[in-house]
Amino acid sequence: MLASIRRNPKKIDGYVINTLHRMMAPVAQKYPDKVVLVKQMGESEPAYLYEIKY
């Protein structure tokens, strides 16, 4: 699950902690058939549920 965790939890300013996003992006690019988006939850600060097939 990749969540949009706010840098400042008291304020919606568009900045999120994206460590997991940066780690997952190269894996998804190299193995696109192994990472499948299952569901997106939320609009302004979405969280994504992925299935990893191995």
C-alpha atoms as a PDB file:
ATOM      1  CA  MET A   1       0.000   0.000   0.000  1.00  0.00           C
ATOM      2  CA  LEU A   2       1.347   3.408  -0.972  1.00  0.00           C
ATOM      3  CA  ALA A   3      -0.139   6.198   1.070  1.00  0.00           C
ATOM      4  CA  SER A   4       0.156   9.958   0.682  1.00  0.00           C
ATOM      5  CA  ILE A   5       1.528  10.798   4.110  1.00  0.00           C
ATOM      6  CA  ARG A   6       1.695  14.532   4.656  1.00  0.00           C
ATOM      7  CA  ARG A   7       5.012  16.192   5.391  1.00  0.00           C
ATOM      8  CA  ASN A   8       3.117  18.495   7.772  1.00  0.00           C
ATOM      9  CA  PRO A   9       0.199  16.524   9.267  1.00  0.00           C
ATOM     10  CA  LYS A  10      -1.631  19.707  10.296  1.00  0.00           C
ATOM     11  CA  LYS A  11      -1.753  21.263   6.828  1.00  0.00           C
ATOM     12  CA  ILE A  12      -2.702  20.052   3.345  1.00  0.00           C
ATOM     13  CA  ASP A  13       0.005  21.702   1.260  1.00  0.00           C
ATOM     14  CA  GLY A  14       0.611  19.109  -1.446  1.00  0.00           C
ATOM     15  CA  TYR A  15       3.887  17.865   0.039  1.00  0.00           C
ATOM     16  CA  VAL A  16       4.008  14.186   0.942  1.00  0.00           C
ATOM     17  CA  ILE A  17       6.683  11.806   2.179  1.00  0.00           C
ATOM     18  CA  ASN A  18       7.391   9.801  -0.963  1.00  0.00           C
ATOM     19  CA  THR A  19      10.116   7.345   0.052  1.00  0.00           C
ATOM     20  CA  LEU A  20       8.045   4.274  -0.809  1.00  0.00           C
ATOM     21  CA  HIS A  21       6.867   5.848  -4.070  1.00  0.00           C
ATOM     22  CA  ARG A  22      10.500   6.379  -5.142  1.00  0.00           C
ATOM     23  CA  MET A  23      11.415   2.793  -4.216  1.00  0.00           C
ATOM     24  CA  MET A  24       8.441   1.243  -6.001  1.00  0.00           C
ATOM     25  CA  ALA A  25       8.680   3.242  -9.252  1.00  0.00           C
ATOM     26  CA  PRO A  26      11.817   1.492 -10.638  1.00  0.00           C
ATOM     27  CA  VAL A  27      10.398  -1.936  -9.771  1.00  0.00           C
ATOM     28  CA  ALA A  28       7.100  -1.132 -11.513  1.00  0.00           C
ATOM     29  CA  GLN A  29       8.970   0.183 -14.571  1.00  0.00           C
ATOM     30  CA  LYS A  30      11.257  -2.843 -14.851  1.00  0.00           C
ATOM     31  CA  TYR A  31       8.557  -5.443 -14.075  1.00  0.00           C
ATOM     32  CA  PRO A  32       5.229  -3.892 -15.143  1.00  0.00           C
ATOM     33  CA  ASP A  33       3.465  -7.265 -15.200  1.00  0.00           C
ATOM     34  CA  LYS A  34       4.446  -7.972 -11.569  1.00  0.00           C
ATOM     35  CA  VAL A  35       2.904  -4.855  -9.981  1.00  0.00           C
ATOM     36  CA  VAL A  36      -0.862  -4.464 -10.387  1.00  0.00           C
ATOM     37  CA  LEU A  37      -2.941  -1.564  -9.060  1.00  0.00           C
ATOM     38  CA  VAL A  38      -5.901  -3.033  -7.170  1.00  0.00           C
ATOM     39  CA  LYS A  39      -7.587   0.066  -5.765  1.00  0.00           C
ATOM     40  CA  GLN A  40      -7.186   3.804  -5.254  1.00  0.00           C
ATOM     41  CA  MET A  41      -8.665   5.277  -2.093  1.00  0.00           C
ATOM     42  CA  GLY A  42      -9.174   9.031  -1.734  1.00  0.00           C
ATOM     43  CA  GLU A  43      -8.938  11.950  -4.115  1.00  0.00           C
ATOM     44  CA  SER A  44      -6.854  14.848  -2.782  1.00  0.00           C
ATOM     45  CA  GLU A  45      -4.400  12.623  -0.879  1.00  0.00           C
ATOM     46  CA  PRO A  46      -4.887   9.167  -2.398  1.00  0.00           C
ATOM     47  CA  ALA A  47      -3.604   5.845  -1.137  1.00  0.00           C
ATOM     48  CA  TYR A  48      -2.964   3.025  -3.579  1.00  0.00           C
ATOM     49  CA  LEU A  49      -3.289  -0.687  -2.972  1.00  0.00           C
ATOM     50  CA  TYR A  50      -1.007  -2.771  -5.184  1.00  0.00           C
ATOM     51  CA  GLU A  51      -0.708  -6.495  -5.689  1.00  0.00           C
ATOM     52  CA  ILE A  52       2.824  -7.783  -6.170  1.00  0.00           C
ATOM     53  CA  LYS A  53       2.928 -10.982  -8.198  1.00  0.00           C
ATOM     54  CA  TYR A  54       6.023 -13.100  -7.700  1.00  0.00           C
END
